[in-house]
Amino acid sequence: MSWIEGTGNVFDELVEIEEDIVSTKVAKPTAVDGMAEFPFWINYPVSGEFDIQSSNWGYGLHTIRCELHVMRGALADNEKEIRPYLQPFYKELCKDPTLSGTVEGVNAIRYKFTGWDYQSGEKHIGIEFEVDVKVDETFTP
């Protein structure tokens, strides 16, 4: 198994963190259709690179996007609703930057407040976190 496959992968670890924050209703390890309970989180890989050090070893640098969604309403109310998630998410990642050993470490965490047109024109607003992780990779021929 790798950091991205099987049970106990990096996405499962992120979901655990997200479920423990404030009043999360649902957290999913991947993007899904039909989310109806708010606030909810989705997680997915965005980009990455593999640096090959030898014929059987290297490391990967990967960016994972973690989106917190709430239904778009009055902007001031939405902002008040999502603000409490910002610091707890960062703090939880800092408590265990290896995410229970699924990665070598969290290298950076970026965020932005943003909006999405989600399924059938639904308007959502939330925080889009980008989490950079480093992973040792062993290659077998």
N, C-alpha and C. Protein backbone atom coordinates (compact mmCIF):
# COMPACT_ATOMS: atom_id res chain seq x y z
N MET A 1 0.83 -1.19 0.00
CA MET A 1 0.00 0.00 0.00
C MET A 1 0.88 1.25 0.00
N SER A 2 0.31 2.34 -0.42
CA SER A 2 1.05 3.59 -0.44
C SER A 2 0.31 4.64 0.38
N TRP A 3 0.87 5.81 0.43
CA TRP A 3 0.27 6.91 1.19
C TRP A 3 -1.12 7.26 0.68
N ILE A 4 -1.43 6.91 -0.55
CA ILE A 4 -2.69 7.35 -1.17
C ILE A 4 -3.70 6.21 -1.31
N GLU A 5 -3.28 4.97 -1.04
CA GLU A 5 -4.16 3.82 -1.24
C GLU A 5 -4.41 3.08 0.06
N GLY A 6 -5.43 2.25 0.08
CA GLY A 6 -5.69 1.38 1.21
C GLY A 6 -6.20 2.11 2.44
N THR A 7 -6.38 1.35 3.50
CA THR A 7 -6.86 1.95 4.74
C THR A 7 -5.70 2.62 5.45
N GLY A 8 -6.02 3.62 6.24
CA GLY A 8 -5.00 4.33 6.98
C GLY A 8 -4.14 5.22 6.10
N ASN A 9 -4.68 5.66 4.98
CA ASN A 9 -3.91 6.53 4.11
C ASN A 9 -4.03 8.00 4.54
N VAL A 10 -3.34 8.87 3.86
CA VAL A 10 -3.30 10.28 4.24
C VAL A 10 -4.70 10.91 4.21
N PHE A 11 -5.55 10.48 3.30
CA PHE A 11 -6.89 11.05 3.22
C PHE A 11 -7.74 10.64 4.42
N ASP A 12 -7.59 9.40 4.88
CA ASP A 12 -8.29 8.97 6.09
C ASP A 12 -7.85 9.80 7.29
N GLU A 13 -6.57 10.10 7.36
CA GLU A 13 -6.04 10.91 8.47
C GLU A 13 -6.60 12.33 8.43
N LEU A 14 -6.69 12.91 7.24
CA LEU A 14 -7.26 14.25 7.11
C LEU A 14 -8.73 14.26 7.53
N VAL A 15 -9.47 13.24 7.13
CA VAL A 15 -10.89 13.14 7.51
C VAL A 15 -11.02 13.09 9.04
N GLU A 16 -10.17 12.33 9.69
CA GLU A 16 -10.21 12.27 11.16
C GLU A 16 -10.04 13.65 11.78
N ILE A 17 -9.09 14.41 11.26
CA ILE A 17 -8.86 15.76 11.77
C ILE A 17 -10.09 16.62 11.53
N GLU A 18 -10.61 16.57 10.32
CA GLU A 18 -11.75 17.41 9.94
C GLU A 18 -13.00 17.08 10.76
N GLU A 19 -13.22 15.80 11.02
CA GLU A 19 -14.41 15.40 11.78
C GLU A 19 -14.35 15.91 13.22
N ASP A 20 -13.16 16.11 13.73
CA ASP A 20 -13.00 16.56 15.12
C ASP A 20 -13.09 18.08 15.28
N ILE A 21 -13.13 18.81 14.20
CA ILE A 21 -13.09 20.28 14.27
C ILE A 21 -14.51 20.85 14.36
N VAL A 22 -14.71 21.70 15.32
CA VAL A 22 -15.92 22.50 15.51
C VAL A 22 -17.17 21.66 15.28
N SER A 23 -17.97 21.99 14.27
CA SER A 23 -19.25 21.31 14.07
C SER A 23 -19.36 20.70 12.68
N THR A 24 -18.30 20.03 12.24
CA THR A 24 -18.32 19.38 10.93
C THR A 24 -19.43 18.33 10.90
N LYS A 25 -20.22 18.36 9.85
CA LYS A 25 -21.28 17.36 9.68
C LYS A 25 -20.74 16.13 8.96
N VAL A 26 -19.99 16.35 7.86
CA VAL A 26 -19.51 15.25 7.05
C VAL A 26 -18.11 15.59 6.54
N ALA A 27 -17.23 14.60 6.55
CA ALA A 27 -15.91 14.73 5.93
C ALA A 27 -15.68 13.50 5.08
N LYS A 28 -15.22 13.69 3.86
CA LYS A 28 -15.02 12.58 2.93
C LYS A 28 -13.57 12.58 2.44
N PRO A 29 -13.01 11.38 2.25
CA PRO A 29 -11.63 11.31 1.79
C PRO A 29 -11.46 11.68 0.32
N THR A 30 -12.54 11.88 -0.41
CA THR A 30 -12.45 12.22 -1.82
C THR A 30 -13.67 13.05 -2.21
N ALA A 31 -13.60 13.68 -3.37
CA ALA A 31 -14.73 14.46 -3.86
C ALA A 31 -15.90 13.53 -4.17
N VAL A 32 -17.11 13.93 -3.75
CA VAL A 32 -18.30 13.12 -3.99
C VAL A 32 -19.45 14.02 -4.42
N ASP A 33 -20.40 13.42 -5.10
CA ASP A 33 -21.61 14.14 -5.49
C ASP A 33 -22.66 13.98 -4.40
N GLY A 34 -23.57 14.93 -4.34
CA GLY A 34 -24.74 14.79 -3.49
C GLY A 34 -24.55 15.11 -2.02
N MET A 35 -23.59 15.94 -1.70
CA MET A 35 -23.41 16.32 -0.30
C MET A 35 -24.55 17.28 0.08
N ALA A 36 -25.24 16.96 1.17
CA ALA A 36 -26.40 17.76 1.55
C ALA A 36 -26.33 18.32 2.96
N GLU A 37 -25.40 17.83 3.78
CA GLU A 37 -25.27 18.32 5.15
C GLU A 37 -24.11 19.30 5.22
N PHE A 38 -24.35 20.42 5.85
CA PHE A 38 -23.33 21.46 5.93
C PHE A 38 -22.95 21.70 7.38
N PRO A 39 -21.74 22.08 7.67
CA PRO A 39 -20.62 22.17 6.73
C PRO A 39 -20.06 20.79 6.41
N PHE A 40 -19.45 20.66 5.21
CA PHE A 40 -18.80 19.41 4.86
C PHE A 40 -17.44 19.67 4.25
N TRP A 41 -16.60 18.64 4.29
CA TRP A 41 -15.24 18.68 3.74
C TRP A 41 -15.12 17.66 2.63
N ILE A 42 -14.32 18.00 1.60
CA ILE A 42 -13.87 17.01 0.62
C ILE A 42 -12.37 17.18 0.44
N ASN A 43 -11.69 16.10 0.11
CA ASN A 43 -10.23 16.08 -0.02
C ASN A 43 -9.83 15.37 -1.30
N TYR A 44 -8.83 15.89 -1.99
CA TYR A 44 -8.35 15.22 -3.19
C TYR A 44 -6.95 15.72 -3.54
N PRO A 45 -6.16 14.88 -4.25
CA PRO A 45 -4.83 15.32 -4.67
C PRO A 45 -4.95 16.32 -5.81
N VAL A 46 -4.09 17.35 -5.77
CA VAL A 46 -4.13 18.40 -6.79
C VAL A 46 -2.95 18.27 -7.75
N SER A 47 -1.76 18.14 -7.20
CA SER A 47 -0.57 18.06 -8.04
C SER A 47 0.55 17.41 -7.23
N GLY A 48 1.61 17.08 -7.92
CA GLY A 48 2.74 16.49 -7.23
C GLY A 48 3.89 16.23 -8.18
N GLU A 49 4.96 15.76 -7.58
CA GLU A 49 6.12 15.38 -8.38
C GLU A 49 6.86 14.28 -7.65
N PHE A 50 7.57 13.45 -8.42
CA PHE A 50 8.39 12.38 -7.86
C PHE A 50 9.84 12.70 -8.18
N ASP A 51 10.69 12.65 -7.17
CA ASP A 51 12.12 12.87 -7.34
C ASP A 51 12.80 11.53 -7.14
N ILE A 52 13.32 10.95 -8.22
CA ILE A 52 13.92 9.63 -8.17
C ILE A 52 15.38 9.77 -7.76
N GLN A 53 15.73 9.16 -6.62
CA GLN A 53 17.08 9.24 -6.08
C GLN A 53 17.95 8.06 -6.51
N SER A 54 17.33 6.91 -6.74
CA SER A 54 18.04 5.72 -7.20
C SER A 54 17.05 4.83 -7.93
N SER A 55 17.50 3.62 -8.31
CA SER A 55 16.61 2.73 -9.07
C SER A 55 15.45 2.20 -8.24
N ASN A 56 15.54 2.29 -6.90
CA ASN A 56 14.45 1.76 -6.09
C ASN A 56 13.96 2.70 -5.00
N TRP A 57 14.41 3.93 -5.00
CA TRP A 57 13.99 4.86 -3.95
C TRP A 57 13.91 6.29 -4.48
N GLY A 58 12.99 7.00 -3.92
CA GLY A 58 12.84 8.42 -4.23
C GLY A 58 11.87 9.03 -3.25
N TYR A 59 11.43 10.22 -3.53
CA TYR A 59 10.41 10.83 -2.68
C TYR A 59 9.44 11.60 -3.55
N GLY A 60 8.26 11.79 -2.99
CA GLY A 60 7.23 12.54 -3.69
C GLY A 60 6.89 13.79 -2.90
N LEU A 61 6.62 14.85 -3.62
CA LEU A 61 6.11 16.09 -3.03
C LEU A 61 4.73 16.29 -3.62
N HIS A 62 3.71 16.30 -2.77
CA HIS A 62 2.33 16.30 -3.25
C HIS A 62 1.52 17.41 -2.58
N THR A 63 0.58 17.95 -3.32
CA THR A 63 -0.35 18.94 -2.79
C THR A 63 -1.73 18.31 -2.73
N ILE A 64 -2.33 18.38 -1.54
CA ILE A 64 -3.67 17.85 -1.32
C ILE A 64 -4.59 19.02 -1.01
N ARG A 65 -5.71 19.08 -1.69
CA ARG A 65 -6.69 20.13 -1.44
C ARG A 65 -7.75 19.61 -0.47
N CYS A 66 -8.01 20.41 0.56
CA CYS A 66 -9.03 20.10 1.56
C CYS A 66 -10.02 21.27 1.53
N GLU A 67 -11.23 21.01 1.08
CA GLU A 67 -12.23 22.07 0.94
C GLU A 67 -13.29 21.95 2.02
N LEU A 68 -13.53 23.05 2.71
CA LEU A 68 -14.63 23.16 3.67
C LEU A 68 -15.75 23.93 2.99
N HIS A 69 -16.92 23.32 2.88
CA HIS A 69 -18.06 23.94 2.19
C HIS A 69 -19.19 24.27 3.16
N VAL A 70 -19.79 25.45 2.97
CA VAL A 70 -21.07 25.79 3.58
C VAL A 70 -21.95 26.36 2.47
N MET A 71 -23.27 26.28 2.67
CA MET A 71 -24.20 26.82 1.67
C MET A 71 -24.09 28.34 1.66
N ARG A 72 -23.99 28.92 0.47
CA ARG A 72 -23.83 30.36 0.33
C ARG A 72 -25.11 31.06 0.74
N GLY A 73 -24.98 32.02 1.63
CA GLY A 73 -26.11 32.83 2.08
C GLY A 73 -25.61 34.26 2.23
N ALA A 74 -25.93 34.88 3.33
CA ALA A 74 -25.44 36.22 3.60
C ALA A 74 -23.95 36.14 3.87
N LEU A 75 -23.16 36.88 3.13
CA LEU A 75 -21.71 36.78 3.21
C LEU A 75 -21.18 36.97 4.62
N ALA A 76 -21.67 37.96 5.34
CA ALA A 76 -21.19 38.20 6.70
C ALA A 76 -21.47 36.99 7.60
N ASP A 77 -22.63 36.39 7.45
CA ASP A 77 -22.97 35.20 8.25
C ASP A 77 -22.09 34.01 7.86
N ASN A 78 -21.88 33.84 6.55
CA ASN A 78 -21.02 32.75 6.08
C ASN A 78 -19.61 32.89 6.62
N GLU A 79 -19.10 34.09 6.57
CA GLU A 79 -17.73 34.31 7.04
C GLU A 79 -17.61 33.99 8.52
N LYS A 80 -18.59 34.37 9.30
CA LYS A 80 -18.59 34.06 10.74
C LYS A 80 -18.69 32.55 10.98
N GLU A 81 -19.41 31.86 10.10
CA GLU A 81 -19.59 30.42 10.24
C GLU A 81 -18.30 29.65 9.94
N ILE A 82 -17.55 30.09 8.94
CA ILE A 82 -16.37 29.31 8.53
C ILE A 82 -15.08 29.75 9.22
N ARG A 83 -15.02 30.95 9.73
CA ARG A 83 -13.78 31.43 10.36
C ARG A 83 -13.27 30.50 11.46
N PRO A 84 -14.13 29.94 12.34
CA PRO A 84 -13.64 29.09 13.42
C PRO A 84 -12.91 27.81 12.96
N TYR A 85 -12.99 27.46 11.69
CA TYR A 85 -12.33 26.25 11.20
C TYR A 85 -10.86 26.50 10.85
N LEU A 86 -10.50 27.73 10.61
CA LEU A 86 -9.17 28.04 10.09
C LEU A 86 -8.05 27.62 11.03
N GLN A 87 -8.03 28.13 12.22
CA GLN A 87 -6.93 27.83 13.14
C GLN A 87 -6.94 26.39 13.65
N PRO A 88 -8.08 25.81 14.00
CA PRO A 88 -8.06 24.41 14.46
C PRO A 88 -7.49 23.43 13.43
N PHE A 89 -7.80 23.65 12.14
CA PHE A 89 -7.27 22.75 11.11
C PHE A 89 -5.75 22.83 11.08
N TYR A 90 -5.22 24.03 11.06
CA TYR A 90 -3.77 24.23 11.06
C TYR A 90 -3.13 23.63 12.31
N LYS A 91 -3.72 23.90 13.47
CA LYS A 91 -3.15 23.39 14.72
C LYS A 91 -3.15 21.86 14.77
N GLU A 92 -4.21 21.23 14.29
CA GLU A 92 -4.27 19.77 14.30
C GLU A 92 -3.20 19.18 13.37
N LEU A 93 -2.97 19.80 12.23
CA LEU A 93 -1.92 19.31 11.34
C LEU A 93 -0.55 19.46 11.98
N CYS A 94 -0.35 20.52 12.74
CA CYS A 94 0.94 20.75 13.40
C CYS A 94 1.18 19.77 14.55
N LYS A 95 0.13 19.26 15.17
CA LYS A 95 0.28 18.30 16.27
C LYS A 95 0.95 17.01 15.80
N ASP A 96 0.62 16.57 14.60
CA ASP A 96 1.21 15.35 14.05
C ASP A 96 1.47 15.57 12.56
N PRO A 97 2.60 16.23 12.24
CA PRO A 97 2.86 16.54 10.83
C PRO A 97 3.18 15.33 9.95
N THR A 98 3.25 14.13 10.55
CA THR A 98 3.42 12.92 9.73
C THR A 98 2.08 12.27 9.42
N LEU A 99 0.99 12.84 9.96
CA LEU A 99 -0.35 12.29 9.76
C LEU A 99 -0.36 10.79 10.05
N SER A 100 0.02 10.46 11.28
CA SER A 100 0.09 9.07 11.76
C SER A 100 1.01 8.20 10.92
N GLY A 101 2.09 8.79 10.43
CA GLY A 101 3.08 8.03 9.68
C GLY A 101 2.74 7.79 8.23
N THR A 102 1.70 8.40 7.71
CA THR A 102 1.33 8.20 6.31
C THR A 102 2.19 9.05 5.37
N VAL A 103 2.84 10.09 5.91
CA VAL A 103 3.74 10.95 5.13
C VAL A 103 4.98 11.25 5.97
N GLU A 104 6.04 11.70 5.31
CA GLU A 104 7.25 12.09 6.03
C GLU A 104 7.03 13.40 6.78
N GLY A 105 6.20 14.26 6.21
CA GLY A 105 5.92 15.51 6.89
C GLY A 105 5.04 16.42 6.06
N VAL A 106 4.41 17.35 6.75
CA VAL A 106 3.65 18.42 6.11
C VAL A 106 4.64 19.56 5.90
N ASN A 107 4.83 19.97 4.66
CA ASN A 107 5.80 21.01 4.34
C ASN A 107 5.21 22.41 4.38
N ALA A 108 3.96 22.55 4.00
CA ALA A 108 3.33 23.87 3.96
C ALA A 108 1.81 23.70 3.97
N ILE A 109 1.14 24.74 4.47
CA ILE A 109 -0.33 24.78 4.47
C ILE A 109 -0.72 26.16 3.96
N ARG A 110 -1.46 26.20 2.88
CA ARG A 110 -1.97 27.46 2.34
C ARG A 110 -3.50 27.43 2.42
N TYR A 111 -4.11 28.59 2.45
CA TYR A 111 -5.57 28.63 2.46
C TYR A 111 -6.07 29.88 1.76
N LYS A 112 -7.31 29.80 1.35
CA LYS A 112 -8.01 30.99 0.85
C LYS A 112 -9.50 30.79 1.06
N PHE A 113 -10.18 31.89 1.33
CA PHE A 113 -11.63 31.89 1.37
C PHE A 113 -12.09 31.98 -0.08
N THR A 114 -13.05 31.15 -0.44
CA THR A 114 -13.45 31.12 -1.84
C THR A 114 -14.90 30.67 -1.97
N GLY A 115 -15.40 30.68 -3.18
CA GLY A 115 -16.75 30.21 -3.47
C GLY A 115 -16.72 29.23 -4.61
N TRP A 116 -17.74 28.39 -4.68
CA TRP A 116 -17.84 27.39 -5.73
C TRP A 116 -19.27 27.36 -6.27
N ASP A 117 -19.40 27.08 -7.55
CA ASP A 117 -20.68 26.67 -8.13
C ASP A 117 -20.66 25.16 -8.04
N TYR A 118 -21.49 24.60 -7.21
CA TYR A 118 -21.45 23.18 -6.91
C TYR A 118 -22.74 22.54 -7.37
N GLN A 119 -22.67 21.43 -8.02
CA GLN A 119 -23.83 20.64 -8.44
C GLN A 119 -25.09 21.44 -8.72
N SER A 120 -25.50 21.42 -9.92
CA SER A 120 -26.76 22.05 -10.34
C SER A 120 -26.85 23.52 -9.97
N GLY A 121 -25.72 24.20 -9.97
CA GLY A 121 -25.73 25.64 -9.72
C GLY A 121 -25.81 26.05 -8.26
N GLU A 122 -25.75 25.11 -7.32
CA GLU A 122 -25.73 25.48 -5.90
C GLU A 122 -24.53 26.36 -5.62
N LYS A 123 -24.72 27.38 -4.83
CA LYS A 123 -23.63 28.27 -4.46
C LYS A 123 -23.11 27.87 -3.09
N HIS A 124 -21.80 27.61 -3.03
CA HIS A 124 -21.14 27.29 -1.77
C HIS A 124 -20.05 28.31 -1.52
N ILE A 125 -19.68 28.46 -0.26
CA ILE A 125 -18.57 29.31 0.13
C ILE A 125 -17.80 28.54 1.19
N GLY A 126 -16.52 28.83 1.32
CA GLY A 126 -15.76 28.10 2.32
C GLY A 126 -14.29 28.43 2.28
N ILE A 127 -13.52 27.50 2.84
CA ILE A 127 -12.07 27.64 2.87
C ILE A 127 -11.47 26.50 2.05
N GLU A 128 -10.54 26.87 1.21
CA GLU A 128 -9.81 25.89 0.41
C GLU A 128 -8.38 25.84 0.96
N PHE A 129 -8.05 24.73 1.63
CA PHE A 129 -6.71 24.54 2.14
C PHE A 129 -5.91 23.74 1.11
N GLU A 130 -4.64 24.08 0.94
CA GLU A 130 -3.73 23.25 0.18
C GLU A 130 -2.63 22.82 1.12
N VAL A 131 -2.47 21.52 1.27
CA VAL A 131 -1.51 20.93 2.20
C VAL A 131 -0.43 20.23 1.39
N ASP A 132 0.81 20.69 1.52
CA ASP A 132 1.94 20.06 0.83
C ASP A 132 2.56 19.02 1.75
N VAL A 133 2.72 17.80 1.23
CA VAL A 133 3.30 16.72 2.02
C VAL A 133 4.47 16.10 1.27
N LYS A 134 5.41 15.56 2.04
CA LYS A 134 6.55 14.83 1.48
C LYS A 134 6.38 13.36 1.85
N VAL A 135 6.63 12.50 0.86
CA VAL A 135 6.45 11.06 1.04
C VAL A 135 7.66 10.33 0.50
N ASP A 136 8.25 9.44 1.31
CA ASP A 136 9.30 8.55 0.78
C ASP A 136 8.62 7.51 -0.09
N GLU A 137 9.23 7.22 -1.22
CA GLU A 137 8.68 6.25 -2.16
C GLU A 137 9.72 5.15 -2.41
N THR A 138 9.30 3.90 -2.29
CA THR A 138 10.15 2.77 -2.64
C THR A 138 9.58 2.16 -3.91
N PHE A 139 10.43 1.97 -4.90
CA PHE A 139 9.99 1.43 -6.18
C PHE A 139 10.47 -0.01 -6.30
N THR A 140 9.59 -0.89 -6.73
CA THR A 140 9.99 -2.27 -6.96
C THR A 140 9.86 -2.57 -8.45
N PRO A 141 10.90 -3.16 -9.01
CA PRO A 141 10.87 -3.44 -10.46
C PRO A 141 9.84 -4.49 -10.83
